[in-house]
Amino acid sequence: MLKDKVKNDIVLAQSICKALRSGNKESIEKLYYLYHRFFISFTRKLLYEMNKAEDVLSEFWAELLNAKAICAYEGKHNASLRGYLTKILKWRIIDKNRKKKIVTTPNLPPESENRTKKERQRRLINESLLTLGEISQRDADLVRMKYEGLTYKEMAEQELTDKASDRQAVERRTDAIKKQFTRPQTGSMARFSLILNRVMAGYGWEPADLRTY
């Protein structure tokens, strides 16, 4: 059953689709005012050349004007319109990044080279987490918390924040999170590592490219 928000998104998308097909290009402004600030933040997190974010977004909005993507939105899997468009934008950013591979310059001073590697690491992790989130948002959330330095107990406490949680409840959740996180092949970290390796392979990078000093 579709959620009410998704139903509203479908009505909005159909309205804009009809307007675009009739030649009313200004109708895209509804989406622009709703999502552009979010899309800017999202693009800057993933794009290797942050000063190119506006260029990428200009191309993205221009692509939406042909109405094909908007008209194809049906709210499948209860995906919101913003989530649906974000996925399209994400793949445009990935394509852009792969056309502009970062190569470590031998003449860079050690401090600059380390900053470049750390920035590369951050963006690869973000891209991999977003991809994992499309498969399992909870796995992505657990890996993100682990990268933020949280222990399994702290992760459990964060998940139980809005619930009545005694010591035993925290212990049970901690144990469950640890099992989900470390399970071979199907655990959160195993899934994330597989995606991360695929993302790196797409850029032609090796694990050493993530190493920081």
N, C-alpha and C. Protein backbone atom coordinates (compact mmCIF):
# COMPACT_ATOMS: atom_id res chain seq x y z
N MET A 1 0.84 -1.19 0.00
CA MET A 1 0.00 0.00 0.00
C MET A 1 0.88 1.25 0.00
N LEU A 2 0.57 2.18 -0.85
CA LEU A 2 1.36 3.40 -0.96
C LEU A 2 1.08 4.33 0.22
N LYS A 3 2.14 4.94 0.71
CA LYS A 3 1.98 5.92 1.78
C LYS A 3 1.34 7.18 1.21
N ASP A 4 0.70 7.96 2.11
CA ASP A 4 0.03 9.18 1.68
C ASP A 4 0.99 10.15 1.01
N LYS A 5 2.20 10.27 1.58
CA LYS A 5 3.18 11.21 0.99
C LYS A 5 3.54 10.79 -0.42
N VAL A 6 3.70 9.48 -0.61
CA VAL A 6 4.05 8.98 -1.94
C VAL A 6 2.89 9.23 -2.91
N LYS A 7 1.66 9.04 -2.43
CA LYS A 7 0.50 9.31 -3.29
C LYS A 7 0.49 10.78 -3.72
N ASN A 8 0.80 11.67 -2.78
CA ASN A 8 0.86 13.09 -3.10
C ASN A 8 1.98 13.38 -4.09
N ASP A 9 3.10 12.67 -3.92
CA ASP A 9 4.23 12.85 -4.84
C ASP A 9 3.86 12.40 -6.26
N ILE A 10 3.09 11.32 -6.35
CA ILE A 10 2.67 10.82 -7.67
C ILE A 10 1.77 11.85 -8.35
N VAL A 11 0.85 12.43 -7.58
CA VAL A 11 -0.04 13.47 -8.14
C VAL A 11 0.78 14.65 -8.63
N LEU A 12 1.78 15.06 -7.82
CA LEU A 12 2.64 16.18 -8.20
C LEU A 12 3.43 15.85 -9.48
N ALA A 13 4.02 14.66 -9.52
CA ALA A 13 4.81 14.26 -10.69
C ALA A 13 3.95 14.19 -11.95
N GLN A 14 2.75 13.65 -11.83
CA GLN A 14 1.87 13.56 -12.98
C GLN A 14 1.46 14.94 -13.49
N SER A 15 1.25 15.85 -12.54
CA SER A 15 0.89 17.22 -12.91
C SER A 15 2.03 17.90 -13.68
N ILE A 16 3.25 17.74 -13.16
CA ILE A 16 4.42 18.35 -13.81
C ILE A 16 4.70 17.66 -15.14
N CYS A 17 4.52 16.35 -15.18
CA CYS A 17 4.71 15.59 -16.42
C CYS A 17 3.80 16.13 -17.52
N LYS A 18 2.54 16.29 -17.18
CA LYS A 18 1.56 16.79 -18.16
C LYS A 18 1.93 18.19 -18.63
N ALA A 19 2.35 19.05 -17.69
CA ALA A 19 2.70 20.43 -18.03
C ALA A 19 3.94 20.47 -18.92
N LEU A 20 4.94 19.65 -18.59
CA LEU A 20 6.17 19.64 -19.39
C LEU A 20 5.89 19.16 -20.81
N ARG A 21 5.07 18.14 -20.93
CA ARG A 21 4.75 17.60 -22.25
C ARG A 21 3.93 18.58 -23.10
N SER A 22 3.26 19.49 -22.41
CA SER A 22 2.49 20.50 -23.15
C SER A 22 3.34 21.73 -23.46
N GLY A 23 4.62 21.67 -23.05
CA GLY A 23 5.53 22.78 -23.36
C GLY A 23 5.72 23.79 -22.25
N ASN A 24 5.14 23.55 -21.09
CA ASN A 24 5.27 24.47 -19.96
C ASN A 24 6.53 24.13 -19.16
N LYS A 25 7.67 24.66 -19.55
CA LYS A 25 8.94 24.36 -18.90
C LYS A 25 9.00 24.94 -17.49
N GLU A 26 8.24 26.01 -17.24
CA GLU A 26 8.28 26.64 -15.93
C GLU A 26 7.73 25.73 -14.82
N SER A 27 7.01 24.70 -15.20
CA SER A 27 6.41 23.82 -14.19
C SER A 27 7.47 23.09 -13.36
N ILE A 28 8.69 22.97 -13.92
CA ILE A 28 9.77 22.29 -13.19
C ILE A 28 10.18 23.09 -11.97
N GLU A 29 9.82 24.39 -11.94
CA GLU A 29 10.20 25.24 -10.81
C GLU A 29 9.60 24.75 -9.49
N LYS A 30 8.48 24.04 -9.56
CA LYS A 30 7.89 23.49 -8.34
C LYS A 30 8.88 22.55 -7.65
N LEU A 31 9.50 21.70 -8.46
CA LEU A 31 10.49 20.76 -7.90
C LEU A 31 11.75 21.49 -7.49
N TYR A 32 12.12 22.51 -8.26
CA TYR A 32 13.33 23.27 -7.96
C TYR A 32 13.24 23.88 -6.57
N TYR A 33 12.13 24.53 -6.26
CA TYR A 33 11.97 25.18 -4.97
C TYR A 33 11.86 24.16 -3.83
N LEU A 34 11.34 22.98 -4.13
CA LEU A 34 11.21 21.95 -3.11
C LEU A 34 12.54 21.27 -2.77
N TYR A 35 13.34 20.99 -3.80
CA TYR A 35 14.47 20.09 -3.61
C TYR A 35 15.85 20.67 -3.89
N HIS A 36 15.95 21.85 -4.49
CA HIS A 36 17.26 22.30 -4.97
C HIS A 36 18.28 22.44 -3.85
N ARG A 37 17.90 22.97 -2.71
CA ARG A 37 18.86 23.13 -1.63
C ARG A 37 19.38 21.78 -1.14
N PHE A 38 18.48 20.79 -1.07
CA PHE A 38 18.91 19.44 -0.69
C PHE A 38 19.86 18.87 -1.74
N PHE A 39 19.52 19.05 -3.02
CA PHE A 39 20.36 18.52 -4.10
C PHE A 39 21.75 19.16 -4.10
N ILE A 40 21.85 20.44 -3.77
CA ILE A 40 23.15 21.09 -3.70
C ILE A 40 24.01 20.43 -2.63
N SER A 41 23.43 20.25 -1.44
CA SER A 41 24.16 19.62 -0.34
C SER A 41 24.57 18.19 -0.71
N PHE A 42 23.64 17.46 -1.31
CA PHE A 42 23.90 16.07 -1.70
C PHE A 42 25.03 16.00 -2.72
N THR A 43 25.00 16.88 -3.72
CA THR A 43 26.01 16.87 -4.78
C THR A 43 27.38 17.22 -4.24
N ARG A 44 27.45 18.18 -3.36
CA ARG A 44 28.74 18.58 -2.80
C ARG A 44 29.37 17.49 -1.96
N LYS A 45 28.53 16.63 -1.37
CA LYS A 45 29.06 15.53 -0.56
C LYS A 45 29.74 14.47 -1.43
N LEU A 46 29.24 14.29 -2.64
CA LEU A 46 29.74 13.20 -3.49
C LEU A 46 30.67 13.65 -4.61
N LEU A 47 30.57 14.88 -5.03
CA LEU A 47 31.32 15.32 -6.21
C LEU A 47 32.76 15.63 -5.83
N TYR A 48 33.70 15.09 -6.60
CA TYR A 48 35.11 15.31 -6.30
C TYR A 48 35.54 16.75 -6.55
N GLU A 49 34.93 17.40 -7.51
CA GLU A 49 35.21 18.81 -7.77
C GLU A 49 34.02 19.61 -7.26
N MET A 50 34.06 20.01 -6.01
CA MET A 50 32.90 20.65 -5.38
C MET A 50 32.49 21.94 -6.09
N ASN A 51 33.47 22.62 -6.71
CA ASN A 51 33.14 23.87 -7.40
C ASN A 51 32.34 23.61 -8.68
N LYS A 52 32.20 22.35 -9.05
CA LYS A 52 31.44 21.99 -10.25
C LYS A 52 30.00 21.57 -9.92
N ALA A 53 29.63 21.66 -8.64
CA ALA A 53 28.30 21.20 -8.22
C ALA A 53 27.18 21.88 -9.00
N GLU A 54 27.28 23.20 -9.15
CA GLU A 54 26.22 23.93 -9.86
C GLU A 54 26.14 23.50 -11.33
N ASP A 55 27.30 23.20 -11.93
CA ASP A 55 27.29 22.74 -13.33
C ASP A 55 26.57 21.41 -13.45
N VAL A 56 26.89 20.50 -12.54
CA VAL A 56 26.25 19.18 -12.56
C VAL A 56 24.74 19.32 -12.36
N LEU A 57 24.35 20.17 -11.42
CA LEU A 57 22.93 20.35 -11.15
C LEU A 57 22.21 21.03 -12.31
N SER A 58 22.89 21.94 -12.99
CA SER A 58 22.28 22.58 -14.16
C SER A 58 21.98 21.54 -15.24
N GLU A 59 22.93 20.63 -15.45
CA GLU A 59 22.73 19.55 -16.42
C GLU A 59 21.59 18.63 -15.97
N PHE A 60 21.54 18.37 -14.66
CA PHE A 60 20.50 17.49 -14.11
C PHE A 60 19.12 18.09 -14.30
N TRP A 61 18.95 19.39 -13.97
CA TRP A 61 17.66 20.04 -14.15
C TRP A 61 17.27 20.12 -15.62
N ALA A 62 18.27 20.35 -16.48
CA ALA A 62 17.99 20.40 -17.91
C ALA A 62 17.51 19.05 -18.41
N GLU A 63 18.10 17.98 -17.85
CA GLU A 63 17.68 16.63 -18.22
C GLU A 63 16.23 16.37 -17.80
N LEU A 64 15.85 16.88 -16.64
CA LEU A 64 14.49 16.67 -16.16
C LEU A 64 13.45 17.37 -17.03
N LEU A 65 13.87 18.40 -17.74
CA LEU A 65 12.94 19.15 -18.58
C LEU A 65 12.36 18.33 -19.73
N ASN A 66 13.06 17.24 -20.09
CA ASN A 66 12.52 16.43 -21.20
C ASN A 66 11.34 15.56 -20.75
N ALA A 67 11.03 15.62 -19.45
CA ALA A 67 9.83 14.99 -18.86
C ALA A 67 9.91 13.48 -18.70
N LYS A 68 10.88 12.84 -19.33
CA LYS A 68 10.93 11.38 -19.30
C LYS A 68 11.05 10.84 -17.88
N ALA A 69 12.00 11.40 -17.10
CA ALA A 69 12.22 10.89 -15.74
C ALA A 69 11.02 11.20 -14.84
N ILE A 70 10.49 12.41 -14.96
CA ILE A 70 9.34 12.79 -14.12
C ILE A 70 8.14 11.91 -14.43
N CYS A 71 7.89 11.69 -15.70
CA CYS A 71 6.72 10.90 -16.09
C CYS A 71 6.86 9.43 -15.72
N ALA A 72 8.10 8.97 -15.53
CA ALA A 72 8.32 7.56 -15.20
C ALA A 72 8.13 7.27 -13.71
N TYR A 73 8.01 8.31 -12.91
CA TYR A 73 7.88 8.11 -11.46
C TYR A 73 6.51 7.52 -11.13
N GLU A 74 6.53 6.40 -10.38
CA GLU A 74 5.28 5.73 -10.00
C GLU A 74 5.23 5.42 -8.51
N GLY A 75 6.23 5.88 -7.76
CA GLY A 75 6.24 5.61 -6.32
C GLY A 75 6.52 4.17 -5.96
N LYS A 76 7.22 3.45 -6.84
CA LYS A 76 7.50 2.03 -6.57
C LYS A 76 8.29 1.87 -5.28
N HIS A 77 7.97 0.82 -4.55
CA HIS A 77 8.62 0.50 -3.27
C HIS A 77 8.48 1.66 -2.29
N ASN A 78 7.41 2.45 -2.44
CA ASN A 78 7.14 3.59 -1.57
C ASN A 78 8.28 4.61 -1.58
N ALA A 79 8.97 4.70 -2.70
CA ALA A 79 10.04 5.70 -2.83
C ALA A 79 9.42 7.07 -3.05
N SER A 80 9.88 8.04 -2.28
CA SER A 80 9.39 9.40 -2.45
C SER A 80 9.91 9.97 -3.77
N LEU A 81 9.31 11.05 -4.22
CA LEU A 81 9.76 11.68 -5.45
C LEU A 81 11.17 12.23 -5.27
N ARG A 82 11.44 12.79 -4.10
CA ARG A 82 12.80 13.28 -3.85
C ARG A 82 13.81 12.15 -3.87
N GLY A 83 13.46 11.02 -3.25
CA GLY A 83 14.37 9.88 -3.25
C GLY A 83 14.60 9.34 -4.65
N TYR A 84 13.54 9.29 -5.43
CA TYR A 84 13.62 8.82 -6.83
C TYR A 84 14.55 9.72 -7.64
N LEU A 85 14.38 11.03 -7.51
CA LEU A 85 15.22 11.97 -8.26
C LEU A 85 16.65 11.97 -7.73
N THR A 86 16.81 11.78 -6.44
CA THR A 86 18.15 11.73 -5.85
C THR A 86 18.95 10.57 -6.41
N LYS A 87 18.28 9.44 -6.61
CA LYS A 87 18.97 8.28 -7.18
C LYS A 87 19.47 8.59 -8.60
N ILE A 88 18.64 9.27 -9.37
CA ILE A 88 19.06 9.66 -10.73
C ILE A 88 20.26 10.60 -10.65
N LEU A 89 20.17 11.58 -9.75
CA LEU A 89 21.27 12.54 -9.59
C LEU A 89 22.54 11.83 -9.14
N LYS A 90 22.40 10.86 -8.24
CA LYS A 90 23.58 10.15 -7.75
C LYS A 90 24.36 9.49 -8.87
N TRP A 91 23.65 8.86 -9.79
CA TRP A 91 24.35 8.20 -10.90
C TRP A 91 24.96 9.21 -11.86
N ARG A 92 24.37 10.39 -11.97
CA ARG A 92 24.99 11.45 -12.79
C ARG A 92 26.30 11.91 -12.15
N ILE A 93 26.30 12.01 -10.83
CA ILE A 93 27.51 12.42 -10.10
C ILE A 93 28.59 11.35 -10.24
N ILE A 94 28.20 10.09 -10.11
CA ILE A 94 29.17 8.99 -10.24
C ILE A 94 29.79 9.01 -11.63
N ASP A 95 28.97 9.20 -12.66
CA ASP A 95 29.49 9.28 -14.03
C ASP A 95 30.48 10.43 -14.16
N LYS A 96 30.15 11.56 -13.54
CA LYS A 96 31.02 12.73 -13.60
C LYS A 96 32.34 12.46 -12.91
N ASN A 97 32.28 11.82 -11.74
CA ASN A 97 33.50 11.50 -10.99
C ASN A 97 34.40 10.55 -11.76
N ARG A 98 33.78 9.58 -12.44
CA ARG A 98 34.59 8.58 -13.14
C ARG A 98 35.23 9.15 -14.40
N LYS A 99 34.66 10.21 -14.91
CA LYS A 99 35.29 10.89 -16.05
C LYS A 99 36.43 11.79 -15.60
N LYS A 100 36.45 12.08 -14.30
CA LYS A 100 37.46 12.96 -13.74
C LYS A 100 38.11 12.25 -12.57
N LYS A 101 38.89 11.21 -12.86
CA LYS A 101 39.53 10.45 -11.81
C LYS A 101 40.61 11.29 -11.13
N ILE A 102 40.66 11.20 -9.80
CA ILE A 102 41.69 11.91 -9.07
C ILE A 102 42.98 11.10 -9.10
N VAL A 103 44.04 11.73 -9.50
CA VAL A 103 45.35 11.09 -9.53
C VAL A 103 46.24 11.84 -8.55
N THR A 104 46.87 11.10 -7.64
CA THR A 104 47.74 11.75 -6.68
C THR A 104 48.97 12.30 -7.38
N THR A 105 49.22 13.57 -7.24
CA THR A 105 50.35 14.22 -7.89
C THR A 105 51.61 13.98 -7.08
N PRO A 106 52.67 13.40 -7.68
CA PRO A 106 53.89 13.09 -6.94
C PRO A 106 54.53 14.32 -6.31
N ASN A 107 54.34 15.50 -6.91
CA ASN A 107 55.01 16.69 -6.42
C ASN A 107 54.26 17.38 -5.28
N LEU A 108 53.10 16.84 -4.90
CA LEU A 108 52.36 17.45 -3.81
C LEU A 108 53.12 17.27 -2.49
N PRO A 109 53.14 18.29 -1.64
CA PRO A 109 53.74 18.10 -0.31
C PRO A 109 52.94 17.07 0.46
N PRO A 110 53.55 16.38 1.44
CA PRO A 110 52.85 15.31 2.17
C PRO A 110 51.52 15.75 2.76
N GLU A 111 51.45 16.99 3.30
CA GLU A 111 50.20 17.44 3.91
C GLU A 111 49.08 17.51 2.88
N SER A 112 49.38 18.05 1.67
CA SER A 112 48.37 18.17 0.63
C SER A 112 47.95 16.80 0.12
N GLU A 113 48.92 15.91 -0.02
CA GLU A 113 48.61 14.56 -0.50
C GLU A 113 47.71 13.83 0.49
N ASN A 114 47.98 14.02 1.80
CA ASN A 114 47.15 13.38 2.81
C ASN A 114 45.73 13.93 2.78
N ARG A 115 45.60 15.24 2.59
CA ARG A 115 44.27 15.83 2.51
C ARG A 115 43.49 15.29 1.32
N THR A 116 44.21 15.12 0.19
CA THR A 116 43.58 14.57 -1.01
C THR A 116 43.08 13.15 -0.75
N LYS A 117 43.90 12.35 -0.10
CA LYS A 117 43.51 10.97 0.19
C LYS A 117 42.34 10.91 1.16
N LYS A 118 42.35 11.77 2.16
CA LYS A 118 41.26 11.79 3.12
C LYS A 118 39.95 12.22 2.46
N GLU A 119 40.04 13.19 1.56
CA GLU A 119 38.85 13.65 0.85
C GLU A 119 38.33 12.54 -0.07
N ARG A 120 39.26 11.85 -0.72
CA ARG A 120 38.87 10.72 -1.58
C ARG A 120 38.19 9.64 -0.75
N GLN A 121 38.77 9.35 0.40
CA GLN A 121 38.20 8.34 1.28
C GLN A 121 36.78 8.72 1.71
N ARG A 122 36.61 9.96 2.13
CA ARG A 122 35.30 10.41 2.60
C ARG A 122 34.24 10.27 1.51
N ARG A 123 34.60 10.65 0.30
CA ARG A 123 33.62 10.61 -0.78
C ARG A 123 33.33 9.18 -1.23
N LEU A 124 34.34 8.33 -1.24
CA LEU A 124 34.10 6.93 -1.59
C LEU A 124 33.19 6.26 -0.55
N ILE A 125 33.43 6.57 0.72
CA ILE A 125 32.60 6.00 1.78
C ILE A 125 31.17 6.50 1.66
N ASN A 126 31.00 7.81 1.41
CA ASN A 126 29.65 8.36 1.25
C ASN A 126 28.92 7.71 0.08
N GLU A 127 29.61 7.56 -1.04
CA GLU A 127 28.99 6.95 -2.22
C GLU A 127 28.60 5.51 -1.92
N SER A 128 29.47 4.78 -1.23
CA SER A 128 29.19 3.38 -0.91
C SER A 128 28.05 3.25 0.09
N LEU A 129 27.99 4.16 1.07
CA LEU A 129 26.90 4.15 2.04
C LEU A 129 25.56 4.43 1.38
N LEU A 130 25.55 5.37 0.44
CA LEU A 130 24.31 5.67 -0.27
C LEU A 130 23.83 4.47 -1.06
N THR A 131 24.77 3.76 -1.69
CA THR A 131 24.41 2.57 -2.46
C THR A 131 23.91 1.47 -1.53
N LEU A 132 24.60 1.28 -0.39
CA LEU A 132 24.16 0.29 0.59
C LEU A 132 22.77 0.64 1.12
N GLY A 133 22.52 1.93 1.32
CA GLY A 133 21.22 2.37 1.82
C GLY A 133 20.07 2.01 0.91
N GLU A 134 20.34 1.88 -0.38
CA GLU A 134 19.30 1.48 -1.32
C GLU A 134 18.93 0.01 -1.14
N ILE A 135 19.87 -0.77 -0.56
CA ILE A 135 19.64 -2.19 -0.30
C ILE A 135 19.10 -2.39 1.11
N SER A 136 19.76 -1.76 2.07
CA SER A 136 19.37 -1.87 3.48
C SER A 136 19.77 -0.59 4.20
N GLN A 137 18.79 0.24 4.53
CA GLN A 137 19.09 1.50 5.20
C GLN A 137 19.66 1.25 6.59
N ARG A 138 19.21 0.19 7.26
CA ARG A 138 19.73 -0.08 8.61
C ARG A 138 21.20 -0.47 8.54
N ASP A 139 21.58 -1.30 7.58
CA ASP A 139 22.99 -1.64 7.43
C ASP A 139 23.82 -0.39 7.19
N ALA A 140 23.32 0.50 6.34
CA ALA A 140 24.04 1.74 6.05
C ALA A 140 24.17 2.59 7.31
N ASP A 141 23.10 2.66 8.10
CA ASP A 141 23.14 3.44 9.34
C ASP A 141 24.15 2.86 10.33
N LEU A 142 24.20 1.54 10.43
CA LEU A 142 25.14 0.91 11.35
C LEU A 142 26.58 1.16 10.93
N VAL A 143 26.86 1.03 9.65
CA VAL A 143 28.22 1.27 9.17
C VAL A 143 28.60 2.74 9.37
N ARG A 144 27.66 3.63 9.09
CA ARG A 144 27.94 5.07 9.29
C ARG A 144 28.27 5.36 10.75
N MET A 145 27.50 4.77 11.67
CA MET A 145 27.77 4.99 13.09
C MET A 145 29.13 4.43 13.50
N LYS A 146 29.49 3.29 12.90
CA LYS A 146 30.79 2.69 13.22
C LYS A 146 31.92 3.58 12.74
N TYR A 147 31.77 4.18 11.54
CA TYR A 147 32.78 5.10 11.04
C TYR A 147 32.87 6.36 11.89
N GLU A 148 31.76 6.69 12.56
CA GLU A 148 31.77 7.86 13.44
C GLU A 148 32.41 7.55 14.79
N GLY A 149 32.80 6.29 14.98
CA GLY A 149 33.52 5.91 16.18
C GLY A 149 32.67 5.37 17.32
N LEU A 150 31.39 5.08 17.05
CA LEU A 150 30.51 4.58 18.11
C LEU A 150 30.79 3.10 18.38
N THR A 151 30.70 2.71 19.64
CA THR A 151 30.79 1.31 20.02
C THR A 151 29.45 0.64 19.74
N TYR A 152 29.42 -0.70 19.82
CA TYR A 152 28.15 -1.40 19.60
C TYR A 152 27.12 -0.97 20.65
N LYS A 153 27.56 -0.77 21.89
CA LYS A 153 26.64 -0.35 22.94
C LYS A 153 26.08 1.04 22.64
N GLU A 154 26.94 1.95 22.19
CA GLU A 154 26.49 3.31 21.86
C GLU A 154 25.53 3.29 20.67
N MET A 155 25.79 2.39 19.72
CA MET A 155 24.89 2.24 18.58
C MET A 155 23.52 1.76 19.06
N ALA A 156 23.53 0.81 19.99
CA ALA A 156 22.28 0.29 20.55
C ALA A 156 21.52 1.39 21.29
N GLU A 157 22.24 2.16 22.08
CA GLU A 157 21.61 3.24 22.84
C GLU A 157 21.00 4.29 21.91
N GLN A 158 21.68 4.54 20.80
CA GLN A 158 21.15 5.51 19.84
C GLN A 158 19.88 5.00 19.18
N GLU A 159 19.85 3.71 18.87
CA GLU A 159 18.65 3.13 18.26
C GLU A 159 17.48 3.10 19.24
N LEU A 160 17.79 3.00 20.53
CA LEU A 160 16.74 2.88 21.54
C LEU A 160 16.38 4.21 22.19
N THR A 161 16.89 5.30 21.65
CA THR A 161 16.70 6.63 22.26
C THR A 161 15.25 6.94 22.53
N ASP A 162 14.38 6.66 21.57
CA ASP A 162 12.97 7.03 21.70
C ASP A 162 12.11 5.92 22.29
N LYS A 163 12.76 4.91 22.86
CA LYS A 163 12.00 3.80 23.42
C LYS A 163 12.40 3.59 24.89
N ALA A 164 11.50 2.97 25.64
CA ALA A 164 11.83 2.62 27.01
C ALA A 164 12.94 1.57 26.97
N SER A 165 14.09 1.90 27.52
CA SER A 165 15.23 0.99 27.38
C SER A 165 15.94 0.81 28.72
N ASP A 166 15.81 -0.38 29.31
CA ASP A 166 16.55 -0.69 30.53
C ASP A 166 17.87 -1.33 30.14
N ARG A 167 18.66 -1.69 31.13
CA ARG A 167 19.99 -2.25 30.87
C ARG A 167 19.91 -3.52 30.03
N GLN A 168 18.93 -4.38 30.32
CA GLN A 168 18.81 -5.63 29.58
C GLN A 168 18.43 -5.38 28.12
N ALA A 169 17.56 -4.38 27.90
CA ALA A 169 17.17 -4.05 26.53
C ALA A 169 18.38 -3.57 25.73
N VAL A 170 19.21 -2.76 26.35
CA VAL A 170 20.43 -2.25 25.70
C VAL A 170 21.38 -3.40 25.39
N GLU A 171 21.51 -4.32 26.34
CA GLU A 171 22.41 -5.47 26.14
C GLU A 171 21.92 -6.34 24.99
N ARG A 172 20.60 -6.58 24.95
CA ARG A 172 20.04 -7.40 23.86
C ARG A 172 20.26 -6.72 22.51
N ARG A 173 20.00 -5.41 22.46
CA ARG A 173 20.18 -4.69 21.19
C ARG A 173 21.65 -4.64 20.80
N THR A 174 22.53 -4.47 21.78
CA THR A 174 23.97 -4.45 21.51
C THR A 174 24.42 -5.76 20.89
N ASP A 175 23.96 -6.87 21.47
CA ASP A 175 24.32 -8.19 20.95
C ASP A 175 23.78 -8.39 19.54
N ALA A 176 22.53 -7.94 19.31
CA ALA A 176 21.91 -8.10 17.99
C ALA A 176 22.66 -7.28 16.94
N ILE A 177 23.05 -6.05 17.30
CA ILE A 177 23.77 -5.19 16.37
C ILE A 177 25.13 -5.79 16.03
N LYS A 178 25.83 -6.29 17.05
CA LYS A 178 27.15 -6.89 16.81
C LYS A 178 27.05 -8.07 15.85
N LYS A 179 26.02 -8.90 16.06
CA LYS A 179 25.84 -10.06 15.17
C LYS A 179 25.52 -9.61 13.75
N GLN A 180 24.62 -8.62 13.62
CA GLN A 180 24.27 -8.14 12.28
C GLN A 180 25.46 -7.48 11.60
N PHE A 181 26.25 -6.77 12.38
CA PHE A 181 27.38 -6.02 11.81
C PHE A 181 28.50 -6.94 11.34
N THR A 182 28.78 -8.00 12.10
CA THR A 182 29.96 -8.84 11.84
C THR A 182 29.65 -10.15 11.13
N ARG A 183 28.39 -10.43 10.84
CA ARG A 183 28.05 -11.70 10.20
C ARG A 183 28.79 -11.85 8.87
N PRO A 184 29.50 -12.98 8.65
CA PRO A 184 30.23 -13.18 7.39
C PRO A 184 29.30 -13.14 6.18
N GLN A 185 29.73 -12.49 5.11
CA GLN A 185 29.05 -12.44 3.82
C GLN A 185 27.77 -11.61 3.81
N THR A 186 26.91 -11.77 4.82
CA THR A 186 25.63 -11.06 4.80
C THR A 186 25.51 -9.98 5.87
N GLY A 187 26.55 -9.79 6.67
CA GLY A 187 26.51 -8.77 7.71
C GLY A 187 26.66 -7.37 7.13
N SER A 188 26.40 -6.37 7.96
CA SER A 188 26.45 -4.97 7.51
C SER A 188 27.81 -4.61 6.93
N MET A 189 28.88 -4.98 7.63
CA MET A 189 30.21 -4.61 7.16
C MET A 189 30.60 -5.40 5.93
N ALA A 190 30.18 -6.66 5.86
CA ALA A 190 30.49 -7.48 4.68
C ALA A 190 29.83 -6.89 3.44
N ARG A 191 28.58 -6.48 3.56
CA ARG A 191 27.86 -5.87 2.43
C ARG A 191 28.53 -4.55 2.02
N PHE A 192 28.88 -3.76 3.04
CA PHE A 192 29.50 -2.47 2.75
C PHE A 192 30.84 -2.66 2.05
N SER A 193 31.66 -3.59 2.54
CA SER A 193 32.98 -3.83 1.95
C SER A 193 32.86 -4.27 0.49
N LEU A 194 31.86 -5.09 0.20
CA LEU A 194 31.64 -5.55 -1.17
C LEU A 194 31.30 -4.36 -2.07
N ILE A 195 30.41 -3.50 -1.61
CA ILE A 195 30.03 -2.32 -2.39
C ILE A 195 31.20 -1.37 -2.55
N LEU A 196 31.96 -1.16 -1.46
CA LEU A 196 33.11 -0.26 -1.51
C LEU A 196 34.14 -0.75 -2.52
N ASN A 197 34.38 -2.05 -2.54
CA ASN A 197 35.34 -2.60 -3.50
C ASN A 197 34.86 -2.42 -4.94
N ARG A 198 33.54 -2.56 -5.14
CA ARG A 198 32.99 -2.36 -6.49
C ARG A 198 33.11 -0.90 -6.92
N VAL A 199 32.85 0.01 -5.97
CA VAL A 199 32.97 1.43 -6.27
C VAL A 199 34.41 1.78 -6.62
N MET A 200 35.36 1.28 -5.85
CA MET A 200 36.77 1.54 -6.13
C MET A 200 37.17 0.96 -7.48
N ALA A 201 36.69 -0.24 -7.78
CA ALA A 201 37.01 -0.86 -9.06
C ALA A 201 36.48 -0.02 -10.21
N GLY A 202 35.32 0.59 -10.00
CA GLY A 202 34.74 1.45 -11.03
C GLY A 202 35.62 2.64 -11.36
N TYR A 203 36.36 3.10 -10.34
CA TYR A 203 37.28 4.22 -10.55
C TYR A 203 38.69 3.75 -10.94
N GLY A 204 38.90 2.44 -10.93
CA GLY A 204 40.22 1.91 -11.25
C GLY A 204 41.20 2.08 -10.11
N TRP A 205 40.69 2.12 -8.86
CA TRP A 205 41.54 2.33 -7.71
C TRP A 205 41.76 1.03 -6.95
N GLU A 206 42.82 1.03 -6.15
CA GLU A 206 43.15 -0.11 -5.31
C GLU A 206 42.92 0.28 -3.85
N PRO A 207 42.84 -0.71 -2.95
CA PRO A 207 42.66 -0.39 -1.53
C PRO A 207 43.70 0.61 -0.99
N ALA A 208 44.91 0.57 -1.56
CA ALA A 208 45.96 1.51 -1.11
C ALA A 208 45.56 2.96 -1.36
N ASP A 209 44.65 3.19 -2.29
CA ASP A 209 44.21 4.55 -2.58
C ASP A 209 43.41 5.15 -1.43
N LEU A 210 42.94 4.31 -0.51
CA LEU A 210 42.18 4.79 0.63
C LEU A 210 43.07 5.01 1.85
N ARG A 211 44.32 4.56 1.75
CA ARG A 211 45.19 4.63 2.92
C ARG A 211 45.57 6.07 3.22
N THR A 212 45.46 6.45 4.48
CA THR A 212 45.87 7.78 4.90
C THR A 212 46.99 7.64 5.92
N TYR A 213 47.75 8.69 6.06
CA TYR A 213 48.93 8.65 6.93
C TYR A 213 48.89 9.75 7.97
